[in-house]
């Protein structure tokens, strides 16, 4: 008469089932919450990110490899116009980059320039979307969905930043 597997076989079976469940749980978590998309080496892409007045998230800091050329694509989500800007702290060190910087867009839009007193403007654009590029000479940059204090229009923008 057979009574089924013995205690050692049952423990082994439960161990195999436990390991399989752990692998499936880890795979689901990684698929649901992937790490930020970036690649090591000569370049990568960060984003997409959203800056929305509705959720109170109007700025985001990002860092790039020293002397890389950063190209930012941004798009307004919804209607109207937005002002998208990139700032960096004023440098206390001169740049050691040897590559020429791309043409930076730092012309203030008709609604005014949101330049803070303690930072330097890297690019600013007004409208429904666009592209700006800069040479990463500093350690950090802040991406901003600028909303003037007197604005009654709520805006949201999404952006990606590629570097090479």
N, C-alpha and C. Protein backbone atom coordinates (compact mmCIF):
# COMPACT_ATOMS: atom_id res chain seq x y z
N UNK A 1 0.84 -1.17 0.00
CA UNK A 1 0.00 0.00 0.00
C UNK A 1 0.89 1.24 0.00
N UNK A 2 0.57 2.23 -0.86
CA UNK A 2 1.37 3.45 -1.00
C UNK A 2 0.73 4.58 -0.21
N UNK A 3 1.52 5.22 0.61
CA UNK A 3 1.01 6.34 1.42
C UNK A 3 1.43 7.69 0.85
N UNK A 4 2.05 7.75 -0.29
CA UNK A 4 2.52 9.00 -0.87
C UNK A 4 3.97 9.26 -0.49
N UNK A 5 4.48 10.41 -0.89
CA UNK A 5 5.89 10.70 -0.62
C UNK A 5 6.14 10.87 0.88
N UNK A 6 7.36 10.59 1.26
CA UNK A 6 7.75 10.71 2.66
C UNK A 6 7.96 12.16 3.05
N UNK A 7 8.26 12.40 4.35
CA UNK A 7 8.45 13.77 4.83
C UNK A 7 9.55 14.53 4.11
N UNK A 8 10.65 13.88 3.77
CA UNK A 8 11.75 14.56 3.06
C UNK A 8 11.31 14.99 1.67
N UNK A 9 10.56 14.15 0.98
CA UNK A 9 10.09 14.49 -0.37
C UNK A 9 9.08 15.63 -0.31
N UNK A 10 8.21 15.62 0.70
CA UNK A 10 7.23 16.71 0.83
C UNK A 10 7.94 18.05 1.10
N UNK A 11 8.96 18.04 1.97
CA UNK A 11 9.72 19.28 2.24
C UNK A 11 10.40 19.78 0.97
N UNK A 12 10.96 18.86 0.19
CA UNK A 12 11.63 19.24 -1.06
C UNK A 12 10.61 19.84 -2.03
N UNK A 13 9.43 19.24 -2.12
CA UNK A 13 8.39 19.77 -3.01
C UNK A 13 7.96 21.18 -2.58
N UNK A 14 7.79 21.40 -1.27
CA UNK A 14 7.41 22.73 -0.79
C UNK A 14 8.52 23.73 -1.03
N UNK A 15 9.77 23.31 -0.91
CA UNK A 15 10.90 24.19 -1.17
C UNK A 15 10.91 24.62 -2.64
N UNK A 16 10.67 23.67 -3.55
CA UNK A 16 10.64 23.99 -4.99
C UNK A 16 9.48 24.95 -5.28
N UNK A 17 8.32 24.69 -4.69
CA UNK A 17 7.17 25.58 -4.90
C UNK A 17 7.48 26.98 -4.36
N UNK A 18 8.09 27.06 -3.18
CA UNK A 18 8.45 28.36 -2.59
C UNK A 18 9.41 29.14 -3.45
N UNK A 19 10.42 28.48 -3.99
CA UNK A 19 11.38 29.15 -4.86
C UNK A 19 10.69 29.65 -6.13
N UNK A 20 9.83 28.84 -6.72
CA UNK A 20 9.11 29.26 -7.93
C UNK A 20 8.21 30.47 -7.66
N UNK A 21 7.51 30.46 -6.52
CA UNK A 21 6.66 31.60 -6.17
C UNK A 21 7.52 32.85 -5.98
N UNK A 22 8.66 32.74 -5.32
CA UNK A 22 9.55 33.90 -5.12
C UNK A 22 10.03 34.45 -6.45
N UNK A 23 10.39 33.58 -7.39
CA UNK A 23 10.85 34.03 -8.71
C UNK A 23 9.74 34.76 -9.44
N UNK A 24 8.52 34.23 -9.37
CA UNK A 24 7.39 34.88 -10.05
C UNK A 24 7.11 36.24 -9.41
N UNK A 25 7.13 36.34 -8.09
CA UNK A 25 6.88 37.62 -7.41
C UNK A 25 7.93 38.64 -7.80
N UNK A 26 9.20 38.27 -7.82
CA UNK A 26 10.27 39.19 -8.21
C UNK A 26 10.09 39.64 -9.65
N UNK A 27 9.75 38.72 -10.54
CA UNK A 27 9.54 39.09 -11.95
C UNK A 27 8.39 40.07 -12.11
N UNK A 28 7.31 39.88 -11.36
CA UNK A 28 6.17 40.79 -11.44
C UNK A 28 6.54 42.17 -10.91
N UNK A 29 7.26 42.23 -9.79
CA UNK A 29 7.67 43.52 -9.23
C UNK A 29 8.60 44.27 -10.18
N UNK A 30 9.56 43.59 -10.77
CA UNK A 30 10.49 44.25 -11.72
C UNK A 30 9.74 44.72 -12.95
N UNK A 31 8.78 43.94 -13.44
CA UNK A 31 8.00 44.35 -14.61
C UNK A 31 7.12 45.55 -14.29
N UNK A 32 6.56 45.59 -13.08
CA UNK A 32 5.66 46.70 -12.71
C UNK A 32 6.41 47.97 -12.36
N UNK A 33 7.60 47.85 -11.79
CA UNK A 33 8.38 49.01 -11.35
C UNK A 33 9.79 48.93 -11.89
N UNK A 34 9.97 49.12 -13.20
CA UNK A 34 11.33 49.02 -13.75
C UNK A 34 12.19 50.17 -13.27
N UNK A 35 13.51 49.98 -13.21
CA UNK A 35 14.40 51.08 -12.86
C UNK A 35 14.38 52.13 -13.95
N UNK A 36 14.80 53.40 -13.65
CA UNK A 36 14.83 54.43 -14.69
C UNK A 36 15.65 53.96 -15.87
N UNK A 37 15.13 54.27 -17.08
CA UNK A 37 15.83 53.81 -18.27
C UNK A 37 17.07 54.66 -18.49
N UNK A 38 18.19 54.03 -18.40
CA UNK A 38 19.45 54.69 -18.69
C UNK A 38 20.43 53.62 -19.07
N UNK A 39 21.48 54.01 -19.72
CA UNK A 39 22.47 53.02 -20.08
C UNK A 39 23.84 53.55 -19.72
N UNK A 40 24.69 52.64 -19.37
CA UNK A 40 26.05 53.06 -19.05
C UNK A 40 26.83 53.18 -20.34
N UNK A 41 27.97 53.75 -20.24
CA UNK A 41 28.80 53.90 -21.44
C UNK A 41 28.68 55.29 -22.01
N UNK A 42 28.52 55.37 -23.32
CA UNK A 42 28.60 56.66 -23.98
C UNK A 42 27.29 57.43 -24.01
N UNK A 43 26.17 56.85 -23.64
CA UNK A 43 24.94 57.61 -23.68
C UNK A 43 23.78 56.87 -23.07
N UNK A 44 22.64 57.54 -23.03
CA UNK A 44 21.44 56.94 -22.48
C UNK A 44 20.28 57.90 -22.54
N UNK A 45 19.14 57.45 -22.03
CA UNK A 45 17.93 58.25 -22.00
C UNK A 45 17.31 58.15 -20.63
N UNK A 46 16.87 59.28 -20.09
CA UNK A 46 16.16 59.33 -18.83
C UNK A 46 14.74 59.78 -19.11
N UNK A 47 13.77 59.11 -18.53
CA UNK A 47 12.39 59.49 -18.71
C UNK A 47 11.63 58.46 -19.52
N UNK A 48 10.38 58.74 -19.80
CA UNK A 48 9.72 60.04 -19.70
C UNK A 48 9.32 60.38 -18.26
N UNK A 49 9.32 61.68 -17.99
CA UNK A 49 8.91 62.22 -16.70
C UNK A 49 7.77 63.20 -16.94
N UNK A 50 6.93 63.41 -15.91
CA UNK A 50 5.85 64.38 -15.99
C UNK A 50 6.05 65.45 -14.94
N UNK A 51 5.80 66.68 -15.33
CA UNK A 51 5.80 67.81 -14.41
C UNK A 51 4.40 68.42 -14.50
N UNK A 52 3.61 68.26 -13.43
CA UNK A 52 2.22 68.64 -13.49
C UNK A 52 1.85 69.57 -12.35
N UNK A 53 1.22 70.65 -12.69
CA UNK A 53 0.71 71.58 -11.70
C UNK A 53 -0.40 70.93 -10.88
N UNK A 54 -1.16 70.02 -11.50
CA UNK A 54 -2.29 69.38 -10.82
C UNK A 54 -1.84 68.52 -9.64
N UNK A 55 -0.65 67.90 -9.73
CA UNK A 55 -0.18 67.06 -8.63
C UNK A 55 0.92 67.74 -7.83
N UNK A 56 1.15 69.02 -8.10
CA UNK A 56 2.12 69.79 -7.32
C UNK A 56 3.57 69.43 -7.58
N UNK A 57 3.84 68.82 -8.72
CA UNK A 57 5.20 68.43 -9.08
C UNK A 57 5.63 69.28 -10.28
N UNK A 58 6.24 70.43 -9.99
CA UNK A 58 6.59 71.35 -11.08
C UNK A 58 8.07 71.34 -11.43
N UNK A 59 8.90 70.62 -10.66
CA UNK A 59 10.33 70.58 -10.99
C UNK A 59 10.91 69.23 -10.63
N UNK A 60 12.04 68.91 -11.28
CA UNK A 60 12.70 67.63 -11.05
C UNK A 60 14.19 67.78 -11.29
N UNK A 61 15.04 67.35 -10.34
CA UNK A 61 16.47 67.40 -10.55
C UNK A 61 16.97 66.14 -11.25
N UNK A 62 17.91 66.29 -12.17
CA UNK A 62 18.55 65.17 -12.85
C UNK A 62 20.04 65.46 -12.99
N UNK A 63 20.84 64.41 -13.09
CA UNK A 63 22.29 64.56 -13.29
C UNK A 63 22.69 63.79 -14.55
N UNK A 64 23.75 64.26 -15.19
CA UNK A 64 24.25 63.65 -16.41
C UNK A 64 25.76 63.51 -16.32
N UNK A 65 26.33 62.59 -17.10
CA UNK A 65 27.79 62.48 -17.11
C UNK A 65 28.44 63.80 -17.53
N UNK A 66 29.53 64.12 -16.87
CA UNK A 66 30.25 65.36 -17.16
C UNK A 66 30.61 65.45 -18.64
N UNK A 67 30.36 66.59 -19.23
CA UNK A 67 30.69 66.94 -20.62
C UNK A 67 29.85 66.21 -21.66
N UNK A 68 28.76 65.57 -21.26
CA UNK A 68 27.88 64.94 -22.26
C UNK A 68 26.96 66.00 -22.85
N UNK A 69 26.53 65.76 -24.09
CA UNK A 69 25.57 66.63 -24.74
C UNK A 69 24.18 66.08 -24.41
N UNK A 70 23.34 66.93 -23.80
CA UNK A 70 22.00 66.52 -23.38
C UNK A 70 20.99 67.15 -24.32
N UNK A 71 20.08 66.32 -24.83
CA UNK A 71 19.00 66.80 -25.68
C UNK A 71 17.69 66.46 -25.01
N UNK A 72 16.86 67.47 -24.79
CA UNK A 72 15.60 67.30 -24.07
C UNK A 72 14.44 67.50 -25.04
N UNK A 73 13.54 66.54 -25.08
CA UNK A 73 12.30 66.64 -25.85
C UNK A 73 11.17 66.81 -24.84
N UNK A 74 10.35 67.85 -25.02
CA UNK A 74 9.24 68.05 -24.09
C UNK A 74 7.95 68.30 -24.86
N UNK A 75 6.82 67.95 -24.23
CA UNK A 75 5.51 68.08 -24.86
C UNK A 75 4.49 68.50 -23.80
N UNK A 76 3.65 69.44 -24.16
CA UNK A 76 2.53 69.85 -23.31
C UNK A 76 1.47 68.75 -23.33
N UNK A 77 0.95 68.41 -22.18
CA UNK A 77 -0.16 67.47 -22.09
C UNK A 77 -1.43 68.29 -21.88
N UNK A 78 -2.29 68.34 -22.86
CA UNK A 78 -3.50 69.14 -22.76
C UNK A 78 -3.47 70.31 -23.73
N UNK A 79 -4.20 71.37 -23.40
CA UNK A 79 -4.29 72.52 -24.30
C UNK A 79 -3.62 73.73 -23.68
N UNK A 80 -3.47 74.77 -24.49
CA UNK A 80 -2.83 76.00 -24.04
C UNK A 80 -1.35 76.00 -24.34
N UNK A 81 -0.59 76.72 -23.53
CA UNK A 81 0.85 76.81 -23.68
C UNK A 81 1.51 76.56 -22.33
N UNK A 82 2.74 76.13 -22.38
CA UNK A 82 3.53 75.93 -21.16
C UNK A 82 4.88 76.59 -21.35
N UNK A 83 5.54 76.88 -20.24
CA UNK A 83 6.92 77.34 -20.28
C UNK A 83 7.76 76.28 -19.61
N UNK A 84 8.67 75.69 -20.39
CA UNK A 84 9.53 74.61 -19.91
C UNK A 84 10.94 75.17 -19.82
N UNK A 85 11.60 74.95 -18.68
CA UNK A 85 12.94 75.52 -18.48
C UNK A 85 13.86 74.49 -17.83
N UNK A 86 15.16 74.70 -18.05
CA UNK A 86 16.19 73.89 -17.38
C UNK A 86 17.16 74.86 -16.72
N UNK A 87 17.42 74.66 -15.42
CA UNK A 87 18.32 75.50 -14.64
C UNK A 87 19.43 74.66 -14.06
N UNK A 88 20.51 75.29 -13.70
CA UNK A 88 21.59 74.64 -12.97
C UNK A 88 22.14 75.64 -11.96
N UNK A 89 22.69 75.15 -10.84
CA UNK A 89 23.30 76.09 -9.91
C UNK A 89 24.45 76.84 -10.58
N UNK A 90 24.66 78.07 -10.16
CA UNK A 90 25.78 78.83 -10.71
C UNK A 90 27.07 78.12 -10.33
N UNK A 91 27.93 77.94 -11.30
CA UNK A 91 29.15 77.17 -11.11
C UNK A 91 30.21 77.96 -10.36
N UNK A 92 30.85 77.26 -9.44
CA UNK A 92 32.01 77.87 -8.80
C UNK A 92 33.30 77.33 -9.42
N UNK A 93 33.16 76.38 -10.34
CA UNK A 93 34.30 75.79 -11.04
C UNK A 93 34.14 76.04 -12.53
N UNK A 94 35.20 76.41 -13.19
CA UNK A 94 35.11 76.55 -14.65
C UNK A 94 34.95 75.18 -15.30
N UNK A 95 34.33 75.15 -16.44
CA UNK A 95 34.12 73.90 -17.16
C UNK A 95 35.44 73.35 -17.68
N UNK A 96 35.59 72.04 -17.62
CA UNK A 96 36.76 71.38 -18.19
C UNK A 96 36.41 70.67 -19.49
N UNK A 97 35.20 70.88 -20.00
CA UNK A 97 34.76 70.22 -21.22
C UNK A 97 35.47 70.84 -22.42
N UNK A 98 35.87 69.99 -23.36
CA UNK A 98 36.56 70.49 -24.55
C UNK A 98 35.66 70.56 -25.77
N UNK A 99 34.54 69.85 -25.76
CA UNK A 99 33.62 69.87 -26.90
C UNK A 99 32.87 71.20 -26.92
N UNK A 100 32.57 71.71 -28.12
CA UNK A 100 31.77 72.95 -28.18
C UNK A 100 30.33 72.64 -27.76
N UNK A 101 29.71 73.54 -26.99
CA UNK A 101 28.33 73.29 -26.58
C UNK A 101 27.37 73.47 -27.75
N UNK A 102 26.23 72.78 -27.72
CA UNK A 102 25.21 73.03 -28.74
C UNK A 102 24.61 74.41 -28.52
N UNK A 103 23.87 74.90 -29.50
CA UNK A 103 23.21 76.20 -29.35
C UNK A 103 22.11 76.06 -28.32
N UNK A 104 22.20 76.84 -27.26
CA UNK A 104 21.23 76.77 -26.18
C UNK A 104 20.14 77.81 -26.39
N UNK A 105 18.92 77.44 -26.06
CA UNK A 105 17.79 78.36 -26.20
C UNK A 105 17.54 79.02 -24.85
N UNK A 106 18.01 80.25 -24.70
CA UNK A 106 17.81 80.97 -23.45
C UNK A 106 17.16 82.34 -23.67
N UNK A 107 16.37 82.44 -24.75
CA UNK A 107 15.62 83.67 -25.01
C UNK A 107 14.32 83.62 -24.22
N UNK A 108 14.06 84.63 -23.43
CA UNK A 108 12.86 84.65 -22.60
C UNK A 108 11.61 84.70 -23.45
N UNK A 109 10.59 83.93 -23.08
CA UNK A 109 9.33 83.96 -23.82
C UNK A 109 8.57 85.25 -23.54
N UNK A 110 7.51 85.53 -24.31
CA UNK A 110 6.75 86.77 -24.13
C UNK A 110 6.20 86.94 -22.71
N UNK A 111 5.87 85.84 -22.01
CA UNK A 111 5.29 85.95 -20.66
C UNK A 111 6.33 86.27 -19.61
N UNK A 112 7.59 86.32 -19.98
CA UNK A 112 8.63 86.64 -19.02
C UNK A 112 9.54 85.46 -18.76
N UNK A 113 10.68 85.73 -18.17
CA UNK A 113 11.70 84.72 -17.94
C UNK A 113 11.68 84.31 -16.47
N UNK A 114 11.60 83.02 -16.18
CA UNK A 114 11.53 82.57 -14.78
C UNK A 114 12.89 82.35 -14.13
N UNK A 115 13.89 83.11 -14.49
CA UNK A 115 15.23 82.90 -13.96
C UNK A 115 15.27 83.20 -12.47
N UNK A 116 15.64 82.22 -11.65
CA UNK A 116 15.79 82.49 -10.22
C UNK A 116 17.10 83.24 -9.97
N UNK A 117 17.21 83.85 -8.85
CA UNK A 117 18.38 84.67 -8.54
C UNK A 117 19.64 83.82 -8.36
N UNK A 118 19.52 82.62 -7.78
CA UNK A 118 20.70 81.84 -7.42
C UNK A 118 21.12 80.81 -8.47
N UNK A 119 20.34 80.64 -9.52
CA UNK A 119 20.67 79.64 -10.54
C UNK A 119 20.91 80.30 -11.88
N UNK A 120 21.43 79.49 -12.82
CA UNK A 120 21.61 80.02 -14.17
C UNK A 120 20.72 79.21 -15.12
N UNK A 121 20.11 79.91 -16.04
CA UNK A 121 19.20 79.33 -17.01
C UNK A 121 20.01 78.62 -18.09
N UNK A 122 19.63 77.39 -18.42
CA UNK A 122 20.30 76.63 -19.47
C UNK A 122 19.47 76.65 -20.75
N UNK A 123 18.17 76.46 -20.62
CA UNK A 123 17.29 76.62 -21.78
C UNK A 123 15.88 76.94 -21.28
N UNK A 124 15.13 77.60 -22.12
CA UNK A 124 13.74 77.93 -21.81
C UNK A 124 12.97 77.96 -23.11
N UNK A 125 11.78 77.38 -23.08
CA UNK A 125 10.92 77.37 -24.25
C UNK A 125 9.49 77.59 -23.81
N UNK A 126 8.73 78.22 -24.69
CA UNK A 126 7.33 78.53 -24.42
C UNK A 126 6.53 77.97 -25.57
N UNK A 127 5.42 77.27 -25.28
CA UNK A 127 4.57 76.75 -26.34
C UNK A 127 3.96 75.42 -25.97
N UNK A 128 3.85 74.54 -26.96
CA UNK A 128 3.23 73.24 -26.74
C UNK A 128 4.23 72.10 -26.77
N UNK A 129 5.48 72.39 -27.02
CA UNK A 129 6.51 71.36 -27.03
C UNK A 129 7.74 71.85 -27.76
N UNK A 130 8.81 71.09 -27.64
CA UNK A 130 10.02 71.49 -28.33
C UNK A 130 11.21 70.67 -27.91
N UNK A 131 12.37 71.17 -28.31
CA UNK A 131 13.64 70.50 -28.03
C UNK A 131 14.64 71.54 -27.59
N UNK A 132 15.41 71.20 -26.57
CA UNK A 132 16.54 72.06 -26.22
C UNK A 132 17.73 71.15 -25.93
N UNK A 133 18.91 71.69 -26.12
CA UNK A 133 20.14 70.91 -25.93
C UNK A 133 21.15 71.76 -25.17
N UNK A 134 22.00 71.08 -24.37
CA UNK A 134 23.04 71.78 -23.64
C UNK A 134 24.18 70.82 -23.34
N UNK A 135 25.32 71.39 -23.02
CA UNK A 135 26.49 70.63 -22.63
C UNK A 135 26.49 70.52 -21.11
N UNK A 136 26.56 69.29 -20.57
CA UNK A 136 26.49 69.06 -19.13
C UNK A 136 27.83 69.41 -18.49
N UNK A 137 27.96 70.65 -18.05
CA UNK A 137 29.19 71.10 -17.41
C UNK A 137 29.08 71.11 -15.89
N UNK A 138 27.87 70.91 -15.36
CA UNK A 138 27.64 70.95 -13.92
C UNK A 138 27.18 69.58 -13.43
N UNK A 139 27.05 69.43 -12.13
CA UNK A 139 26.69 68.13 -11.56
C UNK A 139 25.19 67.89 -11.51
N UNK A 140 24.38 68.94 -11.54
CA UNK A 140 22.94 68.72 -11.49
C UNK A 140 22.19 69.79 -12.28
N UNK A 141 21.01 69.39 -12.76
CA UNK A 141 20.15 70.29 -13.52
C UNK A 141 18.73 70.11 -13.00
N UNK A 142 17.97 71.20 -13.00
CA UNK A 142 16.58 71.15 -12.56
C UNK A 142 15.69 71.45 -13.75
N UNK A 143 14.75 70.54 -14.01
CA UNK A 143 13.80 70.67 -15.11
C UNK A 143 12.51 71.23 -14.52
N UNK A 144 11.97 72.28 -15.15
CA UNK A 144 10.88 73.03 -14.54
C UNK A 144 9.74 73.26 -15.52
N UNK A 145 8.52 73.00 -15.03
CA UNK A 145 7.30 73.44 -15.71
C UNK A 145 6.96 74.75 -15.02
N UNK A 146 7.37 75.87 -15.62
CA UNK A 146 7.22 77.18 -14.99
C UNK A 146 5.79 77.66 -15.12
N UNK A 147 5.18 77.97 -13.99
CA UNK A 147 3.82 78.50 -13.96
C UNK A 147 3.87 79.85 -13.27
N UNK A 148 3.59 80.95 -14.00
CA UNK A 148 3.59 82.27 -13.36
C UNK A 148 2.57 82.34 -12.23
N UNK A 149 2.85 83.19 -11.24
CA UNK A 149 1.96 83.31 -10.09
C UNK A 149 0.55 83.74 -10.48
N UNK A 150 0.42 84.49 -11.56
CA UNK A 150 -0.90 84.98 -11.94
C UNK A 150 -1.61 84.06 -12.93
N UNK A 151 -1.06 82.86 -13.19
CA UNK A 151 -1.65 81.96 -14.17
C UNK A 151 -2.91 81.29 -13.63
N UNK A 152 -3.92 81.24 -14.46
CA UNK A 152 -5.15 80.52 -14.10
C UNK A 152 -5.27 79.22 -14.89
N UNK A 153 -4.30 78.94 -15.74
CA UNK A 153 -4.31 77.72 -16.56
C UNK A 153 -3.39 76.69 -15.92
N UNK A 154 -3.92 75.49 -15.65
CA UNK A 154 -3.12 74.41 -15.08
C UNK A 154 -2.45 73.66 -16.22
N UNK A 155 -1.15 73.40 -16.07
CA UNK A 155 -0.43 72.75 -17.16
C UNK A 155 0.28 71.49 -16.67
N UNK A 156 0.55 70.62 -17.62
CA UNK A 156 1.33 69.41 -17.38
C UNK A 156 2.19 69.18 -18.61
N UNK A 157 3.47 68.91 -18.39
CA UNK A 157 4.36 68.59 -19.50
C UNK A 157 5.05 67.26 -19.23
N UNK A 158 5.41 66.57 -20.30
CA UNK A 158 6.22 65.37 -20.16
C UNK A 158 7.51 65.61 -20.93
N UNK A 159 8.60 64.98 -20.46
CA UNK A 159 9.88 65.17 -21.15
C UNK A 159 10.77 63.94 -20.99
N UNK A 160 11.67 63.80 -21.95
CA UNK A 160 12.75 62.82 -21.87
C UNK A 160 14.05 63.56 -22.11
N UNK A 161 15.12 63.07 -21.52
CA UNK A 161 16.43 63.69 -21.68
C UNK A 161 17.41 62.62 -22.14
N UNK A 162 17.97 62.80 -23.32
CA UNK A 162 18.96 61.86 -23.85
C UNK A 162 20.34 62.50 -23.75
N UNK A 163 21.35 61.70 -23.47
CA UNK A 163 22.70 62.23 -23.39
C UNK A 163 23.66 61.33 -24.15
N UNK A 164 24.71 61.96 -24.69
CA UNK A 164 25.73 61.20 -25.43
C UNK A 164 27.10 61.81 -25.17
